[in-house]
Amino acid sequence: MKSSERASEGLHSKPTFTREEVEQKILETLAEHGPLSIPEIATAIEMHPITVDQSCSRLLERGSIHPCARGIFGVSTPVEYQAEKDT
């Protein structure tokens, strides 16, 4: 086996996740552990902080998470639940 073949195998040995899977992992982690920072989320789900930051930006834009403090995020209450609660 050539060294380039071994190197390429090493690159693919770590599991890859879709954006949706990463975002779901983030939501589950925040729901279970409460508000967390980007580095705390990254450690909990074993992802790079940049990946977590980008995913959190998308989740924030959709309203799935909200900022609790500077750099700390929590899960937002679902809109459907808020609507049911108000009636």
PDB file of N, CA and C in Angstrom:
ATOM      1  N   MET A   1       0.854  -1.189   0.000  1.00  0.00           N
ATOM      2  CA  MET A   1       0.000   0.000   0.000  1.00  0.00           C
ATOM      3  C   MET A   1       0.891   1.241   0.000  1.00  0.00           C
ATOM      4  N   LYS A   2       0.601   2.182  -0.861  1.00  0.00           N
ATOM      5  CA  LYS A   2       1.359   3.413  -0.951  1.00  0.00           C
ATOM      6  C   LYS A   2       1.014   4.326   0.217  1.00  0.00           C
ATOM      7  N   SER A   3       1.941   5.219   0.558  1.00  0.00           N
ATOM      8  CA  SER A   3       1.693   6.143   1.668  1.00  0.00           C
ATOM      9  C   SER A   3       0.525   7.074   1.353  1.00  0.00           C
ATOM     10  N   SER A   4       0.341   7.429   0.073  1.00  0.00           N
ATOM     11  CA  SER A   4      -0.786   8.299  -0.288  1.00  0.00           C
ATOM     12  C   SER A   4      -2.114   7.584  -0.089  1.00  0.00           C
ATOM     13  N   GLU A   5      -2.134   6.249  -0.309  1.00  0.00           N
ATOM     14  CA  GLU A   5      -3.351   5.475  -0.076  1.00  0.00           C
ATOM     15  C   GLU A   5      -3.666   5.404   1.408  1.00  0.00           C
ATOM     16  N   ARG A   6      -2.634   5.230   2.243  1.00  0.00           N
ATOM     17  CA  ARG A   6      -2.842   5.209   3.694  1.00  0.00           C
ATOM     18  C   ARG A   6      -3.332   6.561   4.178  1.00  0.00           C
ATOM     19  N   ALA A   7      -2.781   7.614   3.639  1.00  0.00           N
ATOM     20  CA  ALA A   7      -3.183   8.960   4.039  1.00  0.00           C
ATOM     21  C   ALA A   7      -4.640   9.219   3.681  1.00  0.00           C
ATOM     22  N   SER A   8      -5.052   8.786   2.489  1.00  0.00           N
ATOM     23  CA  SER A   8      -6.437   9.024   2.095  1.00  0.00           C
ATOM     24  C   SER A   8      -7.398   8.184   2.936  1.00  0.00           C
ATOM     25  N   GLU A   9      -6.960   6.981   3.348  1.00  0.00           N
ATOM     26  CA  GLU A   9      -7.801   6.172   4.230  1.00  0.00           C
ATOM     27  C   GLU A   9      -7.993   6.867   5.565  1.00  0.00           C
ATOM     28  N   GLY A  10      -6.939   7.472   6.078  1.00  0.00           N
ATOM     29  CA  GLY A  10      -7.012   8.186   7.348  1.00  0.00           C
ATOM     30  C   GLY A  10      -7.973   9.360   7.290  1.00  0.00           C
ATOM     31  N   LEU A  11      -8.034  10.017   6.157  1.00  0.00           N
ATOM     32  CA  LEU A  11      -8.933  11.150   5.999  1.00  0.00           C
ATOM     33  C   LEU A  11     -10.394  10.729   6.068  1.00  0.00           C
ATOM     34  N   HIS A  12     -10.676   9.517   5.642  1.00  0.00           N
ATOM     35  CA  HIS A  12     -12.057   9.057   5.574  1.00  0.00           C
ATOM     36  C   HIS A  12     -12.453   8.165   6.749  1.00  0.00           C
ATOM     37  N   SER A  13     -11.537   7.968   7.693  1.00  0.00           N
ATOM     38  CA  SER A  13     -11.856   7.089   8.812  1.00  0.00           C
ATOM     39  C   SER A  13     -12.801   7.752   9.813  1.00  0.00           C
ATOM     40  N   LYS A  14     -12.836   9.074   9.863  1.00  0.00           N
ATOM     41  CA  LYS A  14     -13.723   9.782  10.773  1.00  0.00           C
ATOM     42  C   LYS A  14     -15.112   9.883  10.128  1.00  0.00           C
ATOM     43  N   PRO A  15     -16.165   9.589  10.886  1.00  0.00           N
ATOM     44  CA  PRO A  15     -17.501   9.656  10.284  1.00  0.00           C
ATOM     45  C   PRO A  15     -17.849  11.076   9.849  1.00  0.00           C
ATOM     46  N   THR A  16     -18.574  11.167   8.764  1.00  0.00           N
ATOM     47  CA  THR A  16     -19.033  12.464   8.290  1.00  0.00           C
ATOM     48  C   THR A  16     -20.541  12.563   8.522  1.00  0.00           C
ATOM     49  N   PHE A  17     -20.988  13.784   8.760  1.00  0.00           N
ATOM     50  CA  PHE A  17     -22.393  14.025   9.039  1.00  0.00           C
ATOM     51  C   PHE A  17     -22.920  15.105   8.113  1.00  0.00           C
ATOM     52  N   THR A  18     -24.196  15.019   7.777  1.00  0.00           N
ATOM     53  CA  THR A  18     -24.824  16.068   6.981  1.00  0.00           C
ATOM     54  C   THR A  18     -25.058  17.284   7.873  1.00  0.00           C
ATOM     55  N   ARG A  19     -25.339  18.415   7.262  1.00  0.00           N
ATOM     56  CA  ARG A  19     -25.668  19.616   8.033  1.00  0.00           C
ATOM     57  C   ARG A  19     -26.828  19.357   8.976  1.00  0.00           C
ATOM     58  N   GLU A  20     -27.829  18.670   8.456  1.00  0.00           N
ATOM     59  CA  GLU A  20     -29.018  18.385   9.267  1.00  0.00           C
ATOM     60  C   GLU A  20     -28.677  17.533  10.479  1.00  0.00           C
ATOM     61  N   GLU A  21     -27.790  16.554  10.291  1.00  0.00           N
ATOM     62  CA  GLU A  21     -27.382  15.702  11.409  1.00  0.00           C
ATOM     63  C   GLU A  21     -26.609  16.494  12.459  1.00  0.00           C
ATOM     64  N   VAL A  22     -25.721  17.375  12.009  1.00  0.00           N
ATOM     65  CA  VAL A  22     -24.958  18.205  12.941  1.00  0.00           C
ATOM     66  C   VAL A  22     -25.909  19.123  13.706  1.00  0.00           C
ATOM     67  N   GLU A  23     -26.828  19.748  12.992  1.00  0.00           N
ATOM     68  CA  GLU A  23     -27.786  20.646  13.642  1.00  0.00           C
ATOM     69  C   GLU A  23     -28.661  19.890  14.639  1.00  0.00           C
ATOM     70  N   GLN A  24     -29.050  18.677  14.299  1.00  0.00           N
ATOM     71  CA  GLN A  24     -29.850  17.865  15.222  1.00  0.00           C
ATOM     72  C   GLN A  24     -29.051  17.524  16.473  1.00  0.00           C
ATOM     73  N   LYS A  25     -27.772  17.188  16.303  1.00  0.00           N
ATOM     74  CA  LYS A  25     -26.904  16.898  17.447  1.00  0.00           C
ATOM     75  C   LYS A  25     -26.797  18.129  18.349  1.00  0.00           C
ATOM     76  N   ILE A  26     -26.684  19.304  17.753  1.00  0.00           N
ATOM     77  CA  ILE A  26     -26.589  20.541  18.525  1.00  0.00           C
ATOM     78  C   ILE A  26     -27.869  20.766  19.309  1.00  0.00           C
ATOM     79  N   LEU A  27     -29.013  20.626  18.646  1.00  0.00           N
ATOM     80  CA  LEU A  27     -30.295  20.827  19.322  1.00  0.00           C
ATOM     81  C   LEU A  27     -30.481  19.837  20.473  1.00  0.00           C
ATOM     82  N   GLU A  28     -30.139  18.582  20.253  1.00  0.00           N
ATOM     83  CA  GLU A  28     -30.262  17.573  21.302  1.00  0.00           C
ATOM     84  C   GLU A  28     -29.349  17.885  22.481  1.00  0.00           C
ATOM     85  N   THR A  29     -28.136  18.333  22.186  1.00  0.00           N
ATOM     86  CA  THR A  29     -27.176  18.662  23.238  1.00  0.00           C
ATOM     87  C   THR A  29     -27.659  19.852  24.055  1.00  0.00           C
ATOM     88  N   LEU A  30     -28.150  20.891  23.380  1.00  0.00           N
ATOM     89  CA  LEU A  30     -28.656  22.061  24.094  1.00  0.00           C
ATOM     90  C   LEU A  30     -29.897  21.717  24.914  1.00  0.00           C
ATOM     91  N   ALA A  31     -30.760  20.874  24.382  1.00  0.00           N
ATOM     92  CA  ALA A  31     -31.964  20.478  25.113  1.00  0.00           C
ATOM     93  C   ALA A  31     -31.596  19.684  26.370  1.00  0.00           C
ATOM     94  N   GLU A  32     -30.573  18.857  26.268  1.00  0.00           N
ATOM     95  CA  GLU A  32     -30.183  18.003  27.388  1.00  0.00           C
ATOM     96  C   GLU A  32     -29.347  18.742  28.434  1.00  0.00           C
ATOM     97  N   HIS A  33     -28.444  19.614  27.975  1.00  0.00           N
ATOM     98  CA  HIS A  33     -27.479  20.226  28.889  1.00  0.00           C
ATOM     99  C   HIS A  33     -27.716  21.705  29.166  1.00  0.00           C
ATOM    100  N   GLY A  34     -28.729  22.288  28.544  1.00  0.00           N
ATOM    101  CA  GLY A  34     -29.000  23.704  28.779  1.00  0.00           C
ATOM    102  C   GLY A  34     -28.107  24.597  27.945  1.00  0.00           C
ATOM    103  N   PRO A  35     -28.162  25.878  28.174  1.00  0.00           N
ATOM    104  CA  PRO A  35     -27.350  26.816  27.389  1.00  0.00           C
ATOM    105  C   PRO A  35     -25.860  26.488  27.470  1.00  0.00           C
ATOM    106  N   LEU A  36     -25.212  26.510  26.297  1.00  0.00           N
ATOM    107  CA  LEU A  36     -23.785  26.209  26.189  1.00  0.00           C
ATOM    108  C   LEU A  36     -23.119  27.152  25.201  1.00  0.00           C
ATOM    109  N   SER A  37     -21.812  27.279  25.332  1.00  0.00           N
ATOM    110  CA  SER A  37     -21.023  28.066  24.381  1.00  0.00           C
ATOM    111  C   SER A  37     -20.649  27.186  23.187  1.00  0.00           C
ATOM    112  N   ILE A  38     -20.161  27.821  22.144  1.00  0.00           N
ATOM    113  CA  ILE A  38     -19.719  27.095  20.944  1.00  0.00           C
ATOM    114  C   ILE A  38     -18.657  26.047  21.310  1.00  0.00           C
ATOM    115  N   PRO A  39     -17.605  26.413  22.062  1.00  0.00           N
ATOM    116  CA  PRO A  39     -16.605  25.399  22.411  1.00  0.00           C
ATOM    117  C   PRO A  39     -17.186  24.248  23.245  1.00  0.00           C
ATOM    118  N   GLU A  40     -18.122  24.541  24.134  1.00  0.00           N
ATOM    119  CA  GLU A  40     -18.742  23.488  24.937  1.00  0.00           C
ATOM    120  C   GLU A  40     -19.576  22.542  24.066  1.00  0.00           C
ATOM    121  N   ILE A  41     -20.314  23.116  23.119  1.00  0.00           N
ATOM    122  CA  ILE A  41     -21.107  22.289  22.198  1.00  0.00           C
ATOM    123  C   ILE A  41     -20.167  21.435  21.354  1.00  0.00           C
ATOM    124  N   ALA A  42     -19.110  22.057  20.834  1.00  0.00           N
ATOM    125  CA  ALA A  42     -18.152  21.347  19.978  1.00  0.00           C
ATOM    126  C   ALA A  42     -17.538  20.161  20.721  1.00  0.00           C
ATOM    127  N   THR A  43     -17.180  20.359  21.971  1.00  0.00           N
ATOM    128  CA  THR A  43     -16.620  19.276  22.772  1.00  0.00           C
ATOM    129  C   THR A  43     -17.655  18.180  22.995  1.00  0.00           C
ATOM    130  N   ALA A  44     -18.875  18.575  23.310  1.00  0.00           N
ATOM    131  CA  ALA A  44     -19.930  17.601  23.612  1.00  0.00           C
ATOM    132  C   ALA A  44     -20.273  16.720  22.411  1.00  0.00           C
ATOM    133  N   ILE A  45     -20.270  17.312  21.207  1.00  0.00           N
ATOM    134  CA  ILE A  45     -20.656  16.522  20.029  1.00  0.00           C
ATOM    135  C   ILE A  45     -19.446  16.088  19.192  1.00  0.00           C
ATOM    136  N   GLU A  46     -18.250  16.388  19.705  1.00  0.00           N
ATOM    137  CA  GLU A  46     -16.996  15.998  19.050  1.00  0.00           C
ATOM    138  C   GLU A  46     -16.906  16.505  17.616  1.00  0.00           C
ATOM    139  N   MET A  47     -17.179  17.786  17.461  1.00  0.00           N
ATOM    140  CA  MET A  47     -17.081  18.455  16.162  1.00  0.00           C
ATOM    141  C   MET A  47     -16.155  19.666  16.306  1.00  0.00           C
ATOM    142  N   HIS A  48     -15.648  20.133  15.198  1.00  0.00           N
ATOM    143  CA  HIS A  48     -14.786  21.314  15.200  1.00  0.00           C
ATOM    144  C   HIS A  48     -15.627  22.542  15.556  1.00  0.00           C
ATOM    145  N   PRO A  49     -15.085  23.455  16.364  1.00  0.00           N
ATOM    146  CA  PRO A  49     -15.843  24.658  16.743  1.00  0.00           C
ATOM    147  C   PRO A  49     -16.339  25.495  15.556  1.00  0.00           C
ATOM    148  N   ILE A  50     -15.596  25.524  14.466  1.00  0.00           N
ATOM    149  CA  ILE A  50     -16.047  26.289  13.293  1.00  0.00           C
ATOM    150  C   ILE A  50     -17.302  25.656  12.706  1.00  0.00           C
ATOM    151  N   THR A  51     -17.333  24.326  12.636  1.00  0.00           N
ATOM    152  CA  THR A  51     -18.517  23.626  12.146  1.00  0.00           C
ATOM    153  C   THR A  51     -19.709  23.939  13.038  1.00  0.00           C
ATOM    154  N   VAL A  52     -19.499  23.902  14.344  1.00  0.00           N
ATOM    155  CA  VAL A  52     -20.571  24.184  15.304  1.00  0.00           C
ATOM    156  C   VAL A  52     -21.033  25.631  15.174  1.00  0.00           C
ATOM    157  N   ASP A  53     -20.103  26.555  15.035  1.00  0.00           N
ATOM    158  CA  ASP A  53     -20.447  27.975  14.894  1.00  0.00           C
ATOM    159  C   ASP A  53     -21.300  28.203  13.652  1.00  0.00           C
ATOM    160  N   GLN A  54     -20.920  27.605  12.530  1.00  0.00           N
ATOM    161  CA  GLN A  54     -21.691  27.768  11.295  1.00  0.00           C
ATOM    162  C   GLN A  54     -23.084  27.171  11.434  1.00  0.00           C
ATOM    163  N   SER A  55     -23.169  26.013  12.069  1.00  0.00           N
ATOM    164  CA  SER A  55     -24.474  25.373  12.269  1.00  0.00           C
ATOM    165  C   SER A  55     -25.336  26.195  13.211  1.00  0.00           C
ATOM    166  N   CYS A  56     -24.740  26.730  14.265  1.00  0.00           N
ATOM    167  CA  CYS A  56     -25.493  27.567  15.204  1.00  0.00           C
ATOM    168  C   CYS A  56     -26.004  28.826  14.517  1.00  0.00           C
ATOM    169  N   SER A  57     -25.243  29.379  13.606  1.00  0.00           N
ATOM    170  CA  SER A  57     -25.696  30.553  12.852  1.00  0.00           C
ATOM    171  C   SER A  57     -26.950  30.233  12.057  1.00  0.00           C
ATOM    172  N   ARG A  58     -26.966  29.074  11.413  1.00  0.00           N
ATOM    173  CA  ARG A  58     -28.165  28.665  10.658  1.00  0.00           C
ATOM    174  C   ARG A  58     -29.346  28.414  11.590  1.00  0.00           C
ATOM    175  N   LEU A  59     -29.099  27.744  12.709  1.00  0.00           N
ATOM    176  CA  LEU A  59     -30.166  27.475  13.679  1.00  0.00           C
ATOM    177  C   LEU A  59     -30.712  28.774  14.271  1.00  0.00           C
ATOM    178  N   LEU A  60     -29.837  29.721  14.498  1.00  0.00           N
ATOM    179  CA  LEU A  60     -30.239  31.027  15.030  1.00  0.00           C
ATOM    180  C   LEU A  60     -31.107  31.777  14.023  1.00  0.00           C
ATOM    181  N   GLU A  61     -30.720  31.746  12.755  1.00  0.00           N
ATOM    182  CA  GLU A  61     -31.494  32.399  11.698  1.00  0.00           C
ATOM    183  C   GLU A  61     -32.896  31.812  11.583  1.00  0.00           C
ATOM    184  N   ARG A  62     -33.016  30.502  11.792  1.00  0.00           N
ATOM    185  CA  ARG A  62     -34.317  29.830  11.720  1.00  0.00           C
ATOM    186  C   ARG A  62     -35.129  29.961  13.007  1.00  0.00           C
ATOM    187  N   GLY A  63     -34.491  30.468  14.053  1.00  0.00           N
ATOM    188  CA  GLY A  63     -35.193  30.615  15.320  1.00  0.00           C
ATOM    189  C   GLY A  63     -35.222  29.346  16.157  1.00  0.00           C
ATOM    190  N   SER A  64     -34.418  28.352  15.793  1.00  0.00           N
ATOM    191  CA  SER A  64     -34.381  27.097  16.540  1.00  0.00           C
ATOM    192  C   SER A  64     -33.618  27.229  17.854  1.00  0.00           C
ATOM    193  N   ILE A  65     -32.656  28.152  17.881  1.00  0.00           N
ATOM    194  CA  ILE A  65     -31.923  28.448  19.110  1.00  0.00           C
ATOM    195  C   ILE A  65     -31.939  29.962  19.316  1.00  0.00           C
ATOM    196  N   HIS A  66     -31.591  30.383  20.525  1.00  0.00           N
ATOM    197  CA  HIS A  66     -31.540  31.810  20.824  1.00  0.00           C
ATOM    198  C   HIS A  66     -30.314  32.096  21.689  1.00  0.00           C
ATOM    199  N   PRO A  67     -29.807  33.329  21.601  1.00  0.00           N
ATOM    200  CA  PRO A  67     -28.673  33.676  22.460  1.00  0.00           C
ATOM    201  C   PRO A  67     -29.164  33.902  23.893  1.00  0.00           C
ATOM    202  N   CYS A  68     -28.457  33.317  24.852  1.00  0.00           N
ATOM    203  CA  CYS A  68     -28.785  33.507  26.268  1.00  0.00           C
ATOM    204  C   CYS A  68     -27.869  34.553  26.887  1.00  0.00           C
ATOM    205  N   ALA A  69     -26.680  34.639  26.374  1.00  0.00           N
ATOM    206  CA  ALA A  69     -25.665  35.600  26.794  1.00  0.00           C
ATOM    207  C   ALA A  69     -24.672  35.658  25.643  1.00  0.00           C
ATOM    208  N   ARG A  70     -23.683  36.496  25.768  1.00  0.00           N
ATOM    209  CA  ARG A  70     -22.703  36.606  24.684  1.00  0.00           C
ATOM    210  C   ARG A  70     -22.017  35.262  24.443  1.00  0.00           C
ATOM    211  N   GLY A  71     -22.250  34.685  23.264  1.00  0.00           N
ATOM    212  CA  GLY A  71     -21.623  33.427  22.884  1.00  0.00           C
ATOM    213  C   GLY A  71     -22.234  32.185  23.512  1.00  0.00           C
ATOM    214  N   ILE A  72     -23.358  32.326  24.201  1.00  0.00           N
ATOM    215  CA  ILE A  72     -24.037  31.193  24.836  1.00  0.00           C
ATOM    216  C   ILE A  72     -25.398  31.030  24.167  1.00  0.00           C
ATOM    217  N   PHE A  73     -25.725  29.796  23.785  1.00  0.00           N
ATOM    218  CA  PHE A  73     -26.985  29.534  23.088  1.00  0.00           C
ATOM    219  C   PHE A  73     -27.836  28.527  23.837  1.00  0.00           C
ATOM    220  N   GLY A  74     -29.155  28.673  23.689  1.00  0.00           N
ATOM    221  CA  GLY A  74     -30.110  27.725  24.241  1.00  0.00           C
ATOM    222  C   GLY A  74     -31.147  27.387  23.191  1.00  0.00           C
ATOM    223  N   VAL A  75     -31.908  26.329  23.428  1.00  0.00           N
ATOM    224  CA  VAL A  75     -32.956  25.908  22.504  1.00  0.00           C
ATOM    225  C   VAL A  75     -34.151  26.835  22.661  1.00  0.00           C
ATOM    226  N   SER A  76     -34.707  27.284  21.541  1.00  0.00           N
ATOM    227  CA  SER A  76     -35.889  28.136  21.568  1.00  0.00           C
ATOM    228  C   SER A  76     -37.131  27.290  21.807  1.00  0.00           C
ATOM    229  N   THR A  77     -38.147  27.890  22.415  1.00  0.00           N
ATOM    230  CA  THR A  77     -39.426  27.213  22.581  1.00  0.00           C
ATOM    231  C   THR A  77     -40.080  27.144  21.215  1.00  0.00           C
ATOM    232  N   PRO A  78     -40.571  25.969  20.809  1.00  0.00           N
ATOM    233  CA  PRO A  78     -41.205  25.861  19.495  1.00  0.00           C
ATOM    234  C   PRO A  78     -42.365  26.837  19.348  1.00  0.00           C
ATOM    235  N   VAL A  79     -42.500  27.425  18.165  1.00  0.00           N
ATOM    236  CA  VAL A  79     -43.565  28.391  17.892  1.00  0.00           C
ATOM    237  C   VAL A  79     -44.931  27.745  18.112  1.00  0.00           C
ATOM    238  N   GLU A  80     -45.085  26.470  17.703  1.00  0.00           N
ATOM    239  CA  GLU A  80     -46.370  25.786  17.861  1.00  0.00           C
ATOM    240  C   GLU A  80     -46.754  25.724  19.332  1.00  0.00           C
ATOM    241  N   TYR A  81     -45.786  25.451  20.186  1.00  0.00           N
ATOM    242  CA  TYR A  81     -46.051  25.361  21.614  1.00  0.00           C
ATOM    243  C   TYR A  81     -46.454  26.731  22.162  1.00  0.00           C
ATOM    244  N   GLN A  82     -45.772  27.780  21.722  1.00  0.00           N
ATOM    245  CA  GLN A  82     -46.107  29.130  22.177  1.00  0.00           C
ATOM    246  C   GLN A  82     -47.535  29.479  21.766  1.00  0.00           C
ATOM    247  N   ALA A  83     -47.921  29.118  20.545  1.00  0.00           N
ATOM    248  CA  ALA A  83     -49.258  29.412  20.066  1.00  0.00           C
ATOM    249  C   ALA A  83     -50.300  28.663  20.887  1.00  0.00           C
ATOM    250  N   GLU A  84     -50.048  27.395  21.202  1.00  0.00           N
ATOM    251  CA  GLU A  84     -50.974  26.603  22.009  1.00  0.00           C
ATOM    252  C   GLU A  84     -51.075  27.166  23.419  1.00  0.00           C
ATOM    253  N   LYS A  85     -49.971  27.622  23.941  1.00  0.00           N
ATOM    254  CA  LYS A  85     -49.921  28.146  25.306  1.00  0.00           C
ATOM    255  C   LYS A  85     -50.736  29.434  25.428  1.00  0.00           C
ATOM    256  N   ASP A  86     -50.722  30.250  24.349  1.00  0.00           N
ATOM    257  CA  ASP A  86     -51.420  31.540  24.371  1.00  0.00           C
ATOM    258  C   ASP A  86     -52.928  31.386  24.261  1.00  0.00           C
ATOM    259  N   THR A  87     -53.425  30.277  23.766  1.00  0.00           N
ATOM    260  CA  THR A  87     -54.880  30.112  23.576  1.00  0.00           C
ATOM    261  C   THR A  87     -55.521  29.436  24.739  1.00  0.00           C
TER     262      THR A  87
END
